[in-house]
């Protein structure tokens, strides 16, 4: 297994550690546990670019990496949103409708991608998906940092990025569905 794929698997393990930690610290108020959760999230989400960069640079792009890397991204973001929605320290930043929008978008786009690529047509990530992921990561980071510092600037970052997350999640879903429909029409015709 090449290094980029190993990094992807390390990111998956870090996300599991993060989820276990969140189970223990949720409902406990502020404190060091939230700092650790924030640091784990930053390490997990912040190294997302590294595996892809190394795979392209070293010409080690694999089918496993093309599937696993975006899957780990989805696991990290959706896992943090689902778990932080349940804790009093973070729930007000993570409304149920937002979790449904994010998770629903991931199901729709992943299903569409699988169907199209199953027909031998590339359906790679676009700028809208990458922008969406960046804003979602910023939002999740803000939500995890808030209970540790309870600073108004972090609260402001969480609220603004929550709305940007909702907007970019919906817009990117529309762009992907539009691209998918175009590809399917061309292949049918």
C-alpha atoms as a PDB file:
ATOM      1  CA  UNK A   1       0.000   0.000   0.000  1.00  0.00           C
ATOM      2  CA  UNK A   2       1.472   3.341  -1.026  1.00  0.00           C
ATOM      3  CA  UNK A   3       2.023   6.302   1.317  1.00  0.00           C
ATOM      4  CA  UNK A   4      -0.953   8.401   0.085  1.00  0.00           C
ATOM      5  CA  UNK A   5      -3.312   5.496   0.810  1.00  0.00           C
ATOM      6  CA  UNK A   6      -1.681   4.975   4.210  1.00  0.00           C
ATOM      7  CA  UNK A   7      -2.316   8.644   5.014  1.00  0.00           C
ATOM      8  CA  UNK A   8      -5.970   8.178   4.052  1.00  0.00           C
ATOM      9  CA  UNK A   9      -6.240   5.195   6.400  1.00  0.00           C
ATOM     10  CA  UNK A  10      -4.523   7.157   9.194  1.00  0.00           C
ATOM     11  CA  UNK A  11      -7.129   9.898   8.677  1.00  0.00           C
ATOM     12  CA  UNK A  12      -9.867   7.276   9.064  1.00  0.00           C
ATOM     13  CA  UNK A  13      -8.343   5.974  12.309  1.00  0.00           C
ATOM     14  CA  UNK A  14      -7.991   9.543  13.634  1.00  0.00           C
ATOM     15  CA  UNK A  15     -11.656  10.179  12.871  1.00  0.00           C
ATOM     16  CA  UNK A  16     -12.669   7.092  14.863  1.00  0.00           C
ATOM     17  CA  UNK A  17     -10.519   8.269  17.785  1.00  0.00           C
ATOM     18  CA  UNK A  18     -12.185  11.678  17.490  1.00  0.00           C
ATOM     19  CA  UNK A  19     -15.675  10.145  17.594  1.00  0.00           C
ATOM     20  CA  UNK A  20     -14.818   8.067  20.669  1.00  0.00           C
ATOM     21  CA  UNK A  21     -13.399  11.161  22.380  1.00  0.00           C
ATOM     22  CA  UNK A  22     -16.545  13.129  21.561  1.00  0.00           C
ATOM     23  CA  UNK A  23     -18.629  10.411  23.192  1.00  0.00           C
ATOM     24  CA  UNK A  24     -16.669  10.919  26.428  1.00  0.00           C
ATOM     25  CA  UNK A  25     -16.488  14.717  26.515  1.00  0.00           C
ATOM     26  CA  UNK A  26     -19.947  15.616  25.216  1.00  0.00           C
ATOM     27  CA  UNK A  27     -22.131  17.112  27.905  1.00  0.00           C
ATOM     28  CA  UNK A  28     -19.138  17.839  30.139  1.00  0.00           C
ATOM     29  CA  UNK A  29     -18.875  21.569  29.421  1.00  0.00           C
ATOM     30  CA  UNK A  30     -15.676  23.234  28.243  1.00  0.00           C
ATOM     31  CA  UNK A  31     -12.218  22.017  28.885  1.00  0.00           C
ATOM     32  CA  UNK A  32      -9.181  20.228  27.608  1.00  0.00           C
ATOM     33  CA  UNK A  33     -11.153  17.417  25.977  1.00  0.00           C
ATOM     34  CA  UNK A  34     -12.632  19.875  23.493  1.00  0.00           C
ATOM     35  CA  UNK A  35      -9.144  21.219  22.692  1.00  0.00           C
ATOM     36  CA  UNK A  36      -8.003  17.657  22.000  1.00  0.00           C
ATOM     37  CA  UNK A  37     -11.094  17.038  19.843  1.00  0.00           C
ATOM     38  CA  UNK A  38     -10.391  20.234  17.911  1.00  0.00           C
ATOM     39  CA  UNK A  39      -6.732  19.243  17.407  1.00  0.00           C
ATOM     40  CA  UNK A  40      -7.707  15.741  16.226  1.00  0.00           C
ATOM     41  CA  UNK A  41     -10.187  17.235  13.793  1.00  0.00           C
ATOM     42  CA  UNK A  42      -7.611  19.689  12.447  1.00  0.00           C
ATOM     43  CA  UNK A  43      -5.135  16.831  11.970  1.00  0.00           C
ATOM     44  CA  UNK A  44      -7.752  14.671  10.261  1.00  0.00           C
ATOM     45  CA  UNK A  45      -9.309  17.298   8.023  1.00  0.00           C
ATOM     46  CA  UNK A  46      -6.159  19.359   7.588  1.00  0.00           C
ATOM     47  CA  UNK A  47      -4.201  16.521   6.029  1.00  0.00           C
ATOM     48  CA  UNK A  48      -6.923  15.819   3.447  1.00  0.00           C
ATOM     49  CA  UNK A  49      -4.936  17.656   0.790  1.00  0.00           C
ATOM     50  CA  UNK A  50      -1.734  15.738   1.590  1.00  0.00           C
ATOM     51  CA  UNK A  51      -2.764  12.267   0.412  1.00  0.00           C
ATOM     52  CA  UNK A  52      -4.111  13.582  -2.892  1.00  0.00           C
ATOM     53  CA  UNK A  53      -1.134  15.853  -3.450  1.00  0.00           C
ATOM     54  CA  UNK A  54       1.357  13.044  -2.868  1.00  0.00           C
ATOM     55  CA  UNK A  55      -0.617  10.593  -5.007  1.00  0.00           C
ATOM     56  CA  UNK A  56      -0.593  13.023  -7.943  1.00  0.00           C
ATOM     57  CA  UNK A  57       3.002  14.155  -7.434  1.00  0.00           C
ATOM     58  CA  UNK A  58       4.385  10.630  -7.202  1.00  0.00           C
ATOM     59  CA  UNK A  59       1.948   9.274  -9.810  1.00  0.00           C
ATOM     60  CA  UNK A  60       0.466   6.883  -7.253  1.00  0.00           C
ATOM     61  CA  UNK A  61      -3.217   7.557  -7.860  1.00  0.00           C
ATOM     62  CA  UNK A  62      -5.121   4.322  -7.195  1.00  0.00           C
ATOM     63  CA  UNK A  63      -8.719   3.157  -7.435  1.00  0.00           C
ATOM     64  CA  UNK A  64      -8.641   2.639  -3.654  1.00  0.00           C
ATOM     65  CA  UNK A  65      -7.497   6.223  -3.069  1.00  0.00           C
ATOM     66  CA  UNK A  66     -10.105   7.682  -5.452  1.00  0.00           C
ATOM     67  CA  UNK A  67     -12.820   5.973  -3.395  1.00  0.00           C
ATOM     68  CA  UNK A  68     -11.353   6.045   0.128  1.00  0.00           C
ATOM     69  CA  UNK A  69     -10.220   9.693   0.273  1.00  0.00           C
ATOM     70  CA  UNK A  70     -13.641  11.284  -0.353  1.00  0.00           C
ATOM     71  CA  UNK A  71     -15.273   8.597   1.791  1.00  0.00           C
ATOM     72  CA  UNK A  72     -13.067   9.527   4.758  1.00  0.00           C
ATOM     73  CA  UNK A  73     -13.929  13.207   4.162  1.00  0.00           C
ATOM     74  CA  UNK A  74     -17.628  12.352   4.369  1.00  0.00           C
ATOM     75  CA  UNK A  75     -17.168  10.194   7.477  1.00  0.00           C
ATOM     76  CA  UNK A  76     -15.263  12.954   9.293  1.00  0.00           C
ATOM     77  CA  UNK A  77     -17.650  15.795   8.441  1.00  0.00           C
ATOM     78  CA  UNK A  78     -20.906  13.853   8.875  1.00  0.00           C
ATOM     79  CA  UNK A  79     -19.657  12.165  12.061  1.00  0.00           C
ATOM     80  CA  UNK A  80     -18.720  15.466  13.684  1.00  0.00           C
ATOM     81  CA  UNK A  81     -22.035  17.055  12.697  1.00  0.00           C
ATOM     82  CA  UNK A  82     -24.107  14.128  13.951  1.00  0.00           C
ATOM     83  CA  UNK A  83     -22.260  13.884  17.273  1.00  0.00           C
ATOM     84  CA  UNK A  84     -22.014  17.620  18.022  1.00  0.00           C
ATOM     85  CA  UNK A  85     -25.721  17.996  17.367  1.00  0.00           C
ATOM     86  CA  UNK A  86     -26.391  15.920  20.477  1.00  0.00           C
ATOM     87  CA  UNK A  87     -24.377  17.929  23.033  1.00  0.00           C
ATOM     88  CA  UNK A  88     -25.621  21.030  24.848  1.00  0.00           C
ATOM     89  CA  UNK A  89     -22.284  22.806  24.275  1.00  0.00           C
ATOM     90  CA  UNK A  90     -22.553  22.578  20.497  1.00  0.00           C
ATOM     91  CA  UNK A  91     -26.152  21.723  19.548  1.00  0.00           C
ATOM     92  CA  UNK A  92     -27.245  25.302  18.895  1.00  0.00           C
ATOM     93  CA  UNK A  93     -24.700  25.549  16.067  1.00  0.00           C
ATOM     94  CA  UNK A  94     -25.750  22.273  14.448  1.00  0.00           C
ATOM     95  CA  UNK A  95     -29.487  22.237  13.710  1.00  0.00           C
ATOM     96  CA  UNK A  96     -31.090  18.981  12.567  1.00  0.00           C
ATOM     97  CA  UNK A  97     -32.052  20.401   9.182  1.00  0.00           C
ATOM     98  CA  UNK A  98     -28.396  21.197   8.448  1.00  0.00           C
ATOM     99  CA  UNK A  99     -27.292  17.661   9.299  1.00  0.00           C
ATOM    100  CA  UNK A 100     -30.001  16.305   6.986  1.00  0.00           C
ATOM    101  CA  UNK A 101     -28.922  18.641   4.170  1.00  0.00           C
ATOM    102  CA  UNK A 102     -25.258  17.648   4.490  1.00  0.00           C
ATOM    103  CA  UNK A 103     -25.846  13.898   4.854  1.00  0.00           C
ATOM    104  CA  UNK A 104     -28.538  13.915   2.141  1.00  0.00           C
ATOM    105  CA  UNK A 105     -26.243  15.716  -0.285  1.00  0.00           C
ATOM    106  CA  UNK A 106     -23.499  13.174   0.326  1.00  0.00           C
ATOM    107  CA  UNK A 107     -25.862  10.264  -0.383  1.00  0.00           C
ATOM    108  CA  UNK A 108     -27.184  11.852  -3.583  1.00  0.00           C
ATOM    109  CA  UNK A 109     -23.803  12.868  -4.990  1.00  0.00           C
ATOM    110  CA  UNK A 110     -22.075   9.612  -3.980  1.00  0.00           C
ATOM    111  CA  UNK A 111     -24.848   7.552  -5.541  1.00  0.00           C
ATOM    112  CA  UNK A 112     -24.759   9.605  -8.718  1.00  0.00           C
ATOM    113  CA  UNK A 113     -20.969   9.356  -8.895  1.00  0.00           C
ATOM    114  CA  UNK A 114     -21.055   5.590  -8.382  1.00  0.00           C
ATOM    115  CA  UNK A 115     -23.686   5.146 -11.079  1.00  0.00           C
ATOM    116  CA  UNK A 116     -21.885   7.313 -13.647  1.00  0.00           C
ATOM    117  CA  UNK A 117     -18.420   5.926 -12.944  1.00  0.00           C
ATOM    118  CA  UNK A 118     -19.916   2.424 -13.037  1.00  0.00           C
ATOM    119  CA  UNK A 119     -20.656   3.167 -16.689  1.00  0.00           C
ATOM    120  CA  UNK A 120     -16.998   3.964 -17.323  1.00  0.00           C
ATOM    121  CA  UNK A 121     -17.323   7.759 -17.261  1.00  0.00           C
ATOM    122  CA  UNK A 122     -15.169   9.892 -14.954  1.00  0.00           C
ATOM    123  CA  UNK A 123     -17.136  11.990 -12.462  1.00  0.00           C
ATOM    124  CA  UNK A 124     -14.341  13.725 -10.585  1.00  0.00           C
ATOM    125  CA  UNK A 125     -14.699  16.297  -7.822  1.00  0.00           C
ATOM    126  CA  UNK A 126     -15.247  19.877  -8.935  1.00  0.00           C
ATOM    127  CA  UNK A 127     -14.405  23.261  -7.455  1.00  0.00           C
ATOM    128  CA  UNK A 128     -17.875  23.417  -5.869  1.00  0.00           C
ATOM    129  CA  UNK A 129     -17.336  20.153  -3.988  1.00  0.00           C
ATOM    130  CA  UNK A 130     -13.895  21.194  -2.830  1.00  0.00           C
ATOM    131  CA  UNK A 131     -15.155  24.623  -1.717  1.00  0.00           C
ATOM    132  CA  UNK A 132     -18.050  22.960   0.106  1.00  0.00           C
ATOM    133  CA  UNK A 133     -15.664  20.633   1.933  1.00  0.00           C
ATOM    134  CA  UNK A 134     -13.395  23.520   2.961  1.00  0.00           C
ATOM    135  CA  UNK A 135     -16.298  25.511   4.428  1.00  0.00           C
ATOM    136  CA  UNK A 136     -17.741  22.417   6.130  1.00  0.00           C
ATOM    137  CA  UNK A 137     -14.339  21.713   7.703  1.00  0.00           C
ATOM    138  CA  UNK A 138     -14.071  25.304   8.935  1.00  0.00           C
ATOM    139  CA  UNK A 139     -17.579  25.031  10.381  1.00  0.00           C
ATOM    140  CA  UNK A 140     -16.874  21.730  12.159  1.00  0.00           C
ATOM    141  CA  UNK A 141     -13.610  23.117  13.529  1.00  0.00           C
ATOM    142  CA  UNK A 142     -15.405  26.188  14.879  1.00  0.00           C
ATOM    143  CA  UNK A 143     -18.076  24.043  16.513  1.00  0.00           C
ATOM    144  CA  UNK A 144     -15.434  21.857  18.202  1.00  0.00           C
ATOM    145  CA  UNK A 145     -13.362  24.843  19.349  1.00  0.00           C
ATOM    146  CA  UNK A 146     -16.253  26.817  20.853  1.00  0.00           C
ATOM    147  CA  UNK A 147     -16.787  24.713  24.033  1.00  0.00           C
ATOM    148  CA  UNK A 148     -13.052  24.907  24.772  1.00  0.00           C
ATOM    149  CA  UNK A 149     -12.747  28.693  24.571  1.00  0.00           C
ATOM    150  CA  UNK A 150     -16.319  30.045  24.586  1.00  0.00           C
ATOM    151  CA  UNK A 151     -15.078  33.147  22.787  1.00  0.00           C
ATOM    152  CA  UNK A 152     -17.475  35.384  20.884  1.00  0.00           C
ATOM    153  CA  UNK A 153     -15.273  35.372  17.768  1.00  0.00           C
ATOM    154  CA  UNK A 154     -15.475  31.542  17.617  1.00  0.00           C
ATOM    155  CA  UNK A 155     -19.240  31.732  18.109  1.00  0.00           C
ATOM    156  CA  UNK A 156     -19.430  34.238  15.235  1.00  0.00           C
ATOM    157  CA  UNK A 157     -17.263  31.965  13.031  1.00  0.00           C
ATOM    158  CA  UNK A 158     -19.518  28.986  13.802  1.00  0.00           C
ATOM    159  CA  UNK A 159     -22.722  30.863  12.995  1.00  0.00           C
ATOM    160  CA  UNK A 160     -21.459  32.426   9.750  1.00  0.00           C
ATOM    161  CA  UNK A 161     -19.855  29.189   8.561  1.00  0.00           C
ATOM    162  CA  UNK A 162     -23.044  27.269   9.432  1.00  0.00           C
ATOM    163  CA  UNK A 163     -24.995  29.343   6.910  1.00  0.00           C
ATOM    164  CA  UNK A 164     -22.173  29.155   4.359  1.00  0.00           C
ATOM    165  CA  UNK A 165     -22.104  25.384   4.844  1.00  0.00           C
ATOM    166  CA  UNK A 166     -25.834  25.164   4.149  1.00  0.00           C
ATOM    167  CA  UNK A 167     -25.545  27.363   1.060  1.00  0.00           C
ATOM    168  CA  UNK A 168     -22.490  25.672  -0.468  1.00  0.00           C
ATOM    169  CA  UNK A 169     -23.820  22.201   0.306  1.00  0.00           C
ATOM    170  CA  UNK A 170     -27.030  22.901  -1.623  1.00  0.00           C
ATOM    171  CA  UNK A 171     -25.266  24.748  -4.460  1.00  0.00           C
ATOM    172  CA  UNK A 172     -22.661  22.022  -4.921  1.00  0.00           C
ATOM    173  CA  UNK A 173     -25.396  19.365  -4.925  1.00  0.00           C
ATOM    174  CA  UNK A 174     -27.175  21.267  -7.694  1.00  0.00           C
ATOM    175  CA  UNK A 175     -23.970  21.571  -9.713  1.00  0.00           C
ATOM    176  CA  UNK A 176     -23.160  17.864  -9.369  1.00  0.00           C
ATOM    177  CA  UNK A 177     -26.711  16.785 -10.230  1.00  0.00           C
ATOM    178  CA  UNK A 178     -26.681  19.110 -13.243  1.00  0.00           C
ATOM    179  CA  UNK A 179     -23.348  17.679 -14.416  1.00  0.00           C
ATOM    180  CA  UNK A 180     -24.626  14.173 -13.836  1.00  0.00           C
ATOM    181  CA  UNK A 181     -27.804  14.754 -15.820  1.00  0.00           C
ATOM    182  CA  UNK A 182     -25.772  16.181 -18.720  1.00  0.00           C
ATOM    183  CA  UNK A 183     -23.487  13.155 -18.728  1.00  0.00           C
ATOM    184  CA  UNK A 184     -26.415  10.734 -18.559  1.00  0.00           C
ATOM    185  CA  UNK A 185     -28.245  12.515 -21.425  1.00  0.00           C
ATOM    186  CA  UNK A 186     -25.106  12.359 -23.587  1.00  0.00           C
ATOM    187  CA  UNK A 187     -24.557   8.664 -22.874  1.00  0.00           C
ATOM    188  CA  UNK A 188     -28.238   7.870 -23.583  1.00  0.00           C
ATOM    189  CA  UNK A 189     -28.275   9.795 -26.871  1.00  0.00           C
END
